[in-house]
């Protein structure tokens, strides 16, 4: 009887001790429900990638692009993905308690002109009207920098025409601009429009930096308190983002179904979107990626978009290193 009692006590003790280790951890995840965030968010949620890592996510969605970063500062959420890299740099300069744990979205665009145009290369842009994202944006700073560093074109050598993707496409079709820097999804939406491709921002960036790293538009952020209190949860979060990114790249048809179901995209648009997944999304934080973001921060500072130097403490690769093992 005593032996049986001791056995029961031992079993209960083992159960109690194992409980916390196996318990699922809650995590509040914020993201912007527009732009390229919504597509990734749909796949992350529908594919239950966070749940697969043993996390219990509460998704908090924002209608404004900077909503997640603001919520992070007020402890309304624990983590955010596809947060603007420029916003992360600005907060870091202000000593905000955040850590950048993953690069998630690529700053990609292609310089195009109408088929039949006498413009055949980026060197031909001198004196031309070039449509691009407005001054002050990350894409503007990146695009103008690669044109200067790689092709000797200062901003005064051509006229920058600002606008969103739809407006730039309209300007180009009407002949109001000579060249436009447009994203892959925008170009895929006009398959019948005859365009000549002059160069990709990603390729130009790699040529400028002499690395394989890509310029970054969106990043995954965590509040430092959450990172300190729950480092394993942060690693699981990063693992989930890596898995969701790989899924979208490899399983484009299934990812398109998820977008049709949860992101209100019709089947054709969803398929076009996921076929470009690898051009839009990334999930890395290797030394080259950190170096390229530091280069970006320097460019933003030189252009007046950013005031101050981004501290090295913003970049926290430990979770990525653990998740990649």
Protein backbone atom coordinates (compact mmCIF):
# COMPACT_ATOMS: atom_id res chain seq x y z
CA UNK A 1 0.00 0.00 0.00
CA UNK A 2 2.83 2.36 0.94
CA UNK A 3 4.61 1.52 -2.31
CA UNK A 4 1.45 2.27 -4.32
CA UNK A 5 0.96 5.57 -2.48
CA UNK A 6 4.53 6.61 -3.14
CA UNK A 7 4.12 5.71 -6.80
CA UNK A 8 1.00 7.86 -7.10
CA UNK A 9 2.75 10.77 -5.36
CA UNK A 10 5.74 10.43 -7.67
CA UNK A 11 3.47 10.41 -10.72
CA UNK A 12 1.62 13.51 -9.56
CA UNK A 13 4.89 15.28 -8.83
CA UNK A 14 6.20 14.45 -12.27
CA UNK A 15 3.00 15.75 -13.84
CA UNK A 16 3.18 19.01 -11.91
CA UNK A 17 6.85 19.48 -12.80
CA UNK A 18 6.21 18.75 -16.47
CA UNK A 19 3.19 21.03 -16.63
CA UNK A 20 4.90 24.40 -17.09
CA UNK A 21 7.37 23.02 -19.63
CA UNK A 22 4.62 21.68 -21.85
CA UNK A 23 2.17 24.53 -21.31
CA UNK A 24 1.28 26.55 -24.37
CA UNK A 25 2.27 30.19 -24.19
CA UNK A 26 0.01 33.02 -25.24
CA UNK A 27 1.36 35.61 -27.65
CA UNK A 28 -0.31 38.77 -28.96
CA UNK A 29 0.57 39.31 -32.61
CA UNK A 30 -0.10 42.60 -34.39
CA UNK A 31 -0.12 43.33 -38.10
CA UNK A 32 -1.43 45.81 -40.66
CA UNK A 33 -4.40 44.47 -42.65
CA UNK A 34 -3.43 46.07 -45.95
CA UNK A 35 -0.51 46.17 -48.34
CA UNK A 36 1.67 43.08 -48.34
CA UNK A 37 1.07 42.40 -44.64
CA UNK A 38 -2.41 41.05 -45.23
CA UNK A 39 -1.31 38.24 -47.57
CA UNK A 40 1.28 36.92 -45.17
CA UNK A 41 -1.08 37.38 -42.24
CA UNK A 42 -3.74 35.29 -43.97
CA UNK A 43 -1.32 32.42 -44.54
CA UNK A 44 0.13 32.65 -41.02
CA UNK A 45 -3.32 32.51 -39.44
CA UNK A 46 -4.98 29.99 -41.74
CA UNK A 47 -1.95 27.69 -41.73
CA UNK A 48 -1.78 27.80 -37.91
CA UNK A 49 1.99 28.08 -37.98
CA UNK A 50 2.18 29.66 -34.52
CA UNK A 51 -0.01 26.94 -33.07
CA UNK A 52 2.31 24.33 -34.60
CA UNK A 53 5.10 25.80 -32.47
CA UNK A 54 3.05 25.41 -29.29
CA UNK A 55 1.96 29.05 -29.08
CA UNK A 56 -1.56 30.36 -28.52
CA UNK A 57 -1.80 33.49 -30.69
CA UNK A 58 -4.18 36.39 -30.32
CA UNK A 59 -4.12 38.33 -33.59
CA UNK A 60 -4.57 42.09 -33.26
CA UNK A 61 -5.20 43.78 -36.61
CA UNK A 62 -4.63 47.41 -37.50
CA UNK A 63 -6.01 49.58 -40.29
CA UNK A 64 -2.99 51.92 -40.18
CA UNK A 65 0.52 50.87 -41.25
CA UNK A 66 2.20 52.17 -38.08
CA UNK A 67 -0.51 50.78 -35.80
CA UNK A 68 1.41 47.64 -34.78
CA UNK A 69 4.56 49.52 -33.76
CA UNK A 70 2.54 52.01 -31.71
CA UNK A 71 0.70 49.14 -30.01
CA UNK A 72 4.00 47.43 -29.27
CA UNK A 73 5.19 50.46 -27.31
CA UNK A 74 2.05 50.50 -25.16
CA UNK A 75 2.25 46.76 -24.42
CA UNK A 76 -1.02 46.22 -26.32
CA UNK A 77 0.76 43.48 -28.30
CA UNK A 78 3.91 41.42 -27.74
CA UNK A 79 5.17 41.09 -31.31
CA UNK A 80 4.55 42.53 -34.78
CA UNK A 81 5.45 41.36 -38.26
CA UNK A 82 5.85 43.31 -41.52
CA UNK A 83 6.37 46.47 -39.48
CA UNK A 84 8.01 49.24 -41.55
CA UNK A 85 11.79 49.06 -41.27
CA UNK A 86 11.96 52.87 -41.31
CA UNK A 87 9.64 53.01 -38.30
CA UNK A 88 11.76 50.46 -36.45
CA UNK A 89 14.90 52.51 -37.10
CA UNK A 90 13.22 55.71 -35.88
CA UNK A 91 12.02 54.07 -32.66
CA UNK A 92 15.44 52.55 -32.02
CA UNK A 93 17.07 55.98 -32.35
CA UNK A 94 14.59 57.17 -29.70
CA UNK A 95 15.67 54.30 -27.38
CA UNK A 96 12.31 52.54 -27.61
CA UNK A 97 12.30 49.09 -25.91
CA UNK A 98 12.04 47.02 -29.11
CA UNK A 99 14.13 44.33 -30.78
CA UNK A 100 14.26 43.46 -34.46
CA UNK A 101 14.25 39.66 -34.71
CA UNK A 102 13.64 38.98 -38.42
CA UNK A 103 13.55 40.66 -41.83
CA UNK A 104 10.18 39.73 -43.34
CA UNK A 105 9.47 41.83 -46.42
CA UNK A 106 11.68 42.79 -49.36
CA UNK A 107 11.88 46.35 -50.69
CA UNK A 108 11.41 45.33 -54.31
CA UNK A 109 10.51 47.25 -57.45
CA UNK A 110 11.39 47.18 -61.13
CA UNK A 111 12.17 50.19 -63.30
CA UNK A 112 10.03 49.92 -66.44
CA UNK A 113 9.25 52.00 -69.50
CA UNK A 114 6.76 51.52 -72.32
CA UNK A 115 7.73 49.10 -75.05
CA UNK A 116 9.16 51.04 -77.99
CA UNK A 117 10.65 53.75 -75.78
CA UNK A 118 14.16 54.93 -76.75
CA UNK A 119 15.17 54.34 -73.12
CA UNK A 120 17.09 51.05 -72.96
CA UNK A 121 18.98 51.18 -69.67
CA UNK A 122 19.05 53.01 -66.36
CA UNK A 123 21.90 55.16 -67.66
CA UNK A 124 19.38 56.68 -70.08
CA UNK A 125 17.31 58.28 -67.28
CA UNK A 126 19.17 61.59 -67.36
CA UNK A 127 16.70 64.36 -68.11
CA UNK A 128 13.74 61.97 -67.92
CA UNK A 129 10.60 61.91 -65.74
CA UNK A 130 10.81 58.98 -63.32
CA UNK A 131 7.79 57.90 -61.28
CA UNK A 132 8.48 56.42 -57.84
CA UNK A 133 7.32 56.37 -54.23
CA UNK A 134 7.16 59.83 -52.62
CA UNK A 135 10.19 61.50 -51.03
CA UNK A 136 10.53 60.41 -47.41
CA UNK A 137 9.57 56.80 -48.14
CA UNK A 138 11.97 53.87 -47.88
CA UNK A 139 11.59 53.00 -51.56
CA UNK A 140 12.35 56.57 -52.63
CA UNK A 141 15.57 56.62 -50.61
CA UNK A 142 16.65 53.20 -51.87
CA UNK A 143 15.78 53.82 -55.54
CA UNK A 144 17.48 57.21 -55.75
CA UNK A 145 20.56 55.88 -53.95
CA UNK A 146 21.13 52.93 -56.30
CA UNK A 147 20.67 55.21 -59.32
CA UNK A 148 23.37 57.51 -57.97
CA UNK A 149 25.82 54.88 -56.69
CA UNK A 150 25.52 52.46 -59.62
CA UNK A 151 24.78 54.79 -62.52
CA UNK A 152 26.08 58.21 -61.50
CA UNK A 153 22.61 59.76 -61.61
CA UNK A 154 22.08 62.44 -58.98
CA UNK A 155 18.55 63.43 -58.02
CA UNK A 156 18.99 66.66 -59.95
CA UNK A 157 19.72 64.69 -63.14
CA UNK A 158 16.11 63.52 -63.55
CA UNK A 159 12.66 64.61 -62.41
CA UNK A 160 11.06 62.49 -59.68
CA UNK A 161 7.29 62.17 -60.04
CA UNK A 162 5.72 60.85 -56.81
CA UNK A 163 2.66 58.63 -56.63
CA UNK A 164 1.19 55.36 -55.47
CA UNK A 165 1.38 52.26 -57.65
CA UNK A 166 -1.96 52.82 -59.39
CA UNK A 167 -1.21 56.45 -60.21
CA UNK A 168 2.28 55.68 -61.51
CA UNK A 169 0.90 52.98 -63.78
CA UNK A 170 -1.67 55.45 -65.11
CA UNK A 171 0.97 58.15 -65.64
CA UNK A 172 3.16 55.70 -67.56
CA UNK A 173 0.34 54.47 -69.80
CA UNK A 174 -0.66 58.08 -70.60
CA UNK A 175 2.91 59.15 -71.33
CA UNK A 176 3.02 61.59 -68.40
CA UNK A 177 6.23 59.94 -67.17
CA UNK A 178 9.00 58.15 -69.03
CA UNK A 179 9.87 55.47 -66.46
CA UNK A 180 8.25 54.07 -63.32
CA UNK A 181 9.55 51.99 -60.42
CA UNK A 182 6.73 49.48 -59.85
CA UNK A 183 6.34 46.45 -57.60
CA UNK A 184 6.02 42.92 -58.92
CA UNK A 185 2.35 42.57 -57.97
CA UNK A 186 1.49 45.78 -59.84
CA UNK A 187 3.29 44.58 -62.98
CA UNK A 188 1.55 41.20 -62.76
CA UNK A 189 -1.82 42.98 -62.68
CA UNK A 190 -1.30 44.38 -66.20
CA UNK A 191 -0.15 41.39 -68.30
CA UNK A 192 -1.43 42.98 -71.51
CA UNK A 193 0.50 46.22 -71.05
CA UNK A 194 3.68 46.06 -73.10
CA UNK A 195 6.55 47.18 -70.90
CA UNK A 196 10.32 47.14 -71.15
CA UNK A 197 12.18 46.24 -67.95
CA UNK A 198 15.27 48.32 -67.26
CA UNK A 199 16.44 46.92 -63.94
CA UNK A 200 15.34 45.58 -60.56
CA UNK A 201 15.94 47.47 -57.34
CA UNK A 202 17.02 44.25 -55.59
CA UNK A 203 19.67 43.51 -58.23
CA UNK A 204 20.86 47.11 -58.12
CA UNK A 205 21.08 46.96 -54.32
CA UNK A 206 23.13 43.76 -54.42
CA UNK A 207 25.48 45.29 -56.98
CA UNK A 208 25.89 48.38 -54.79
CA UNK A 209 26.49 46.49 -51.52
CA UNK A 210 28.38 43.59 -53.12
CA UNK A 211 26.37 41.07 -51.07
CA UNK A 212 23.46 38.71 -51.64
CA UNK A 213 21.36 40.53 -49.04
CA UNK A 214 18.23 42.33 -50.21
CA UNK A 215 16.92 45.76 -49.14
CA UNK A 216 14.29 45.35 -46.44
CA UNK A 217 10.87 46.97 -46.29
CA UNK A 218 9.22 45.09 -43.39
CA UNK A 219 10.56 43.50 -40.20
CA UNK A 220 9.39 41.45 -37.22
CA UNK A 221 9.62 43.30 -33.92
CA UNK A 222 9.19 42.23 -30.29
CA UNK A 223 8.89 44.28 -27.13
CA UNK A 224 12.08 43.94 -25.11
CA UNK A 225 10.15 43.01 -21.97
CA UNK A 226 8.51 40.10 -23.78
CA UNK A 227 11.86 39.01 -25.23
CA UNK A 228 13.46 39.06 -21.77
CA UNK A 229 10.59 37.23 -20.08
CA UNK A 230 9.84 34.69 -22.84
CA UNK A 231 12.92 34.08 -25.01
CA UNK A 232 11.69 30.63 -26.04
CA UNK A 233 8.38 32.09 -27.21
CA UNK A 234 10.28 34.56 -29.39
CA UNK A 235 12.27 31.70 -30.92
CA UNK A 236 9.04 29.80 -31.61
CA UNK A 237 7.54 32.94 -33.13
CA UNK A 238 10.51 33.31 -35.47
CA UNK A 239 10.31 29.60 -36.37
CA UNK A 240 6.65 30.06 -37.28
CA UNK A 241 7.41 33.04 -39.53
CA UNK A 242 10.18 31.08 -41.27
CA UNK A 243 7.83 28.12 -41.79
CA UNK A 244 5.02 30.30 -43.15
CA UNK A 245 7.41 32.03 -45.54
CA UNK A 246 8.70 28.68 -46.83
CA UNK A 247 5.13 27.38 -47.20
CA UNK A 248 4.09 30.34 -49.32
CA UNK A 249 7.11 29.85 -51.55
CA UNK A 250 6.69 26.09 -52.02
CA UNK A 251 2.90 25.65 -51.83
CA UNK A 252 1.68 28.53 -53.99
CA UNK A 253 -1.65 26.88 -54.86
CA UNK A 254 -2.51 26.17 -51.22
CA UNK A 255 -1.39 29.65 -50.19
CA UNK A 256 -3.61 31.13 -52.91
CA UNK A 257 -6.59 29.19 -51.51
CA UNK A 258 -5.90 30.68 -48.08
CA UNK A 259 -5.80 34.19 -49.52
CA UNK A 260 -9.06 33.62 -51.38
CA UNK A 261 -10.68 32.39 -48.17
CA UNK A 262 -9.43 34.96 -45.67
CA UNK A 263 -8.02 37.97 -47.57
CA UNK A 264 -11.00 38.50 -49.91
CA UNK A 265 -8.94 38.09 -53.07
CA UNK A 266 -10.44 36.45 -56.13
CA UNK A 267 -8.73 33.27 -57.34
CA UNK A 268 -6.83 34.94 -60.20
CA UNK A 269 -5.41 37.74 -58.05
CA UNK A 270 -4.57 35.34 -55.23
CA UNK A 271 -2.67 33.08 -57.63
CA UNK A 272 -0.77 36.03 -59.14
CA UNK A 273 0.12 37.16 -55.63
CA UNK A 274 1.45 33.83 -54.38
CA UNK A 275 3.41 33.19 -57.58
CA UNK A 276 5.43 36.27 -56.62
CA UNK A 277 5.79 35.23 -52.98
CA UNK A 278 9.55 34.75 -53.15
CA UNK A 279 10.03 38.25 -54.58
CA UNK A 280 7.96 39.84 -51.80
CA UNK A 281 8.80 37.95 -48.61
CA UNK A 282 11.93 36.80 -46.83
CA UNK A 283 12.67 35.33 -43.39
CA UNK A 284 16.29 35.96 -42.46
CA UNK A 285 18.53 37.80 -40.06
CA UNK A 286 22.01 36.74 -41.11
CA UNK A 287 25.01 39.07 -40.65
CA UNK A 288 24.62 40.28 -44.26
CA UNK A 289 21.01 41.24 -43.54
CA UNK A 290 21.97 43.21 -40.46
CA UNK A 291 24.75 44.91 -42.41
CA UNK A 292 22.37 45.84 -45.24
CA UNK A 293 19.86 47.32 -42.79
CA UNK A 294 22.63 49.38 -41.23
CA UNK A 295 23.49 50.58 -44.73
CA UNK A 296 19.82 51.44 -45.26
CA UNK A 297 19.73 53.37 -41.99
CA UNK A 298 22.75 55.37 -43.14
CA UNK A 299 21.02 56.15 -46.44
CA UNK A 300 17.86 57.26 -44.64
CA UNK A 301 19.92 59.45 -42.32
CA UNK A 302 21.75 61.06 -45.25
CA UNK A 303 18.44 61.73 -47.03
CA UNK A 304 16.89 63.32 -43.94
CA UNK A 305 14.37 60.52 -43.42
CA UNK A 306 16.06 59.45 -40.19
CA UNK A 307 17.65 61.54 -37.45
CA UNK A 308 20.39 59.89 -35.46
CA UNK A 309 22.31 56.62 -35.55
CA UNK A 310 20.50 53.31 -35.15
CA UNK A 311 21.98 51.46 -32.14
CA UNK A 312 23.35 47.95 -32.64
CA UNK A 313 21.06 46.77 -29.83
CA UNK A 314 18.06 47.01 -32.18
CA UNK A 315 19.23 43.89 -34.01
CA UNK A 316 18.64 40.72 -31.99
CA UNK A 317 19.60 37.65 -34.07
CA UNK A 318 19.66 35.13 -31.19
CA UNK A 319 16.10 33.87 -31.81
CA UNK A 320 16.78 33.49 -35.55
CA UNK A 321 20.02 31.63 -34.85
CA UNK A 322 18.18 29.25 -32.50
CA UNK A 323 15.26 28.83 -34.90
CA UNK A 324 17.59 28.03 -37.80
CA UNK A 325 19.32 25.12 -36.01
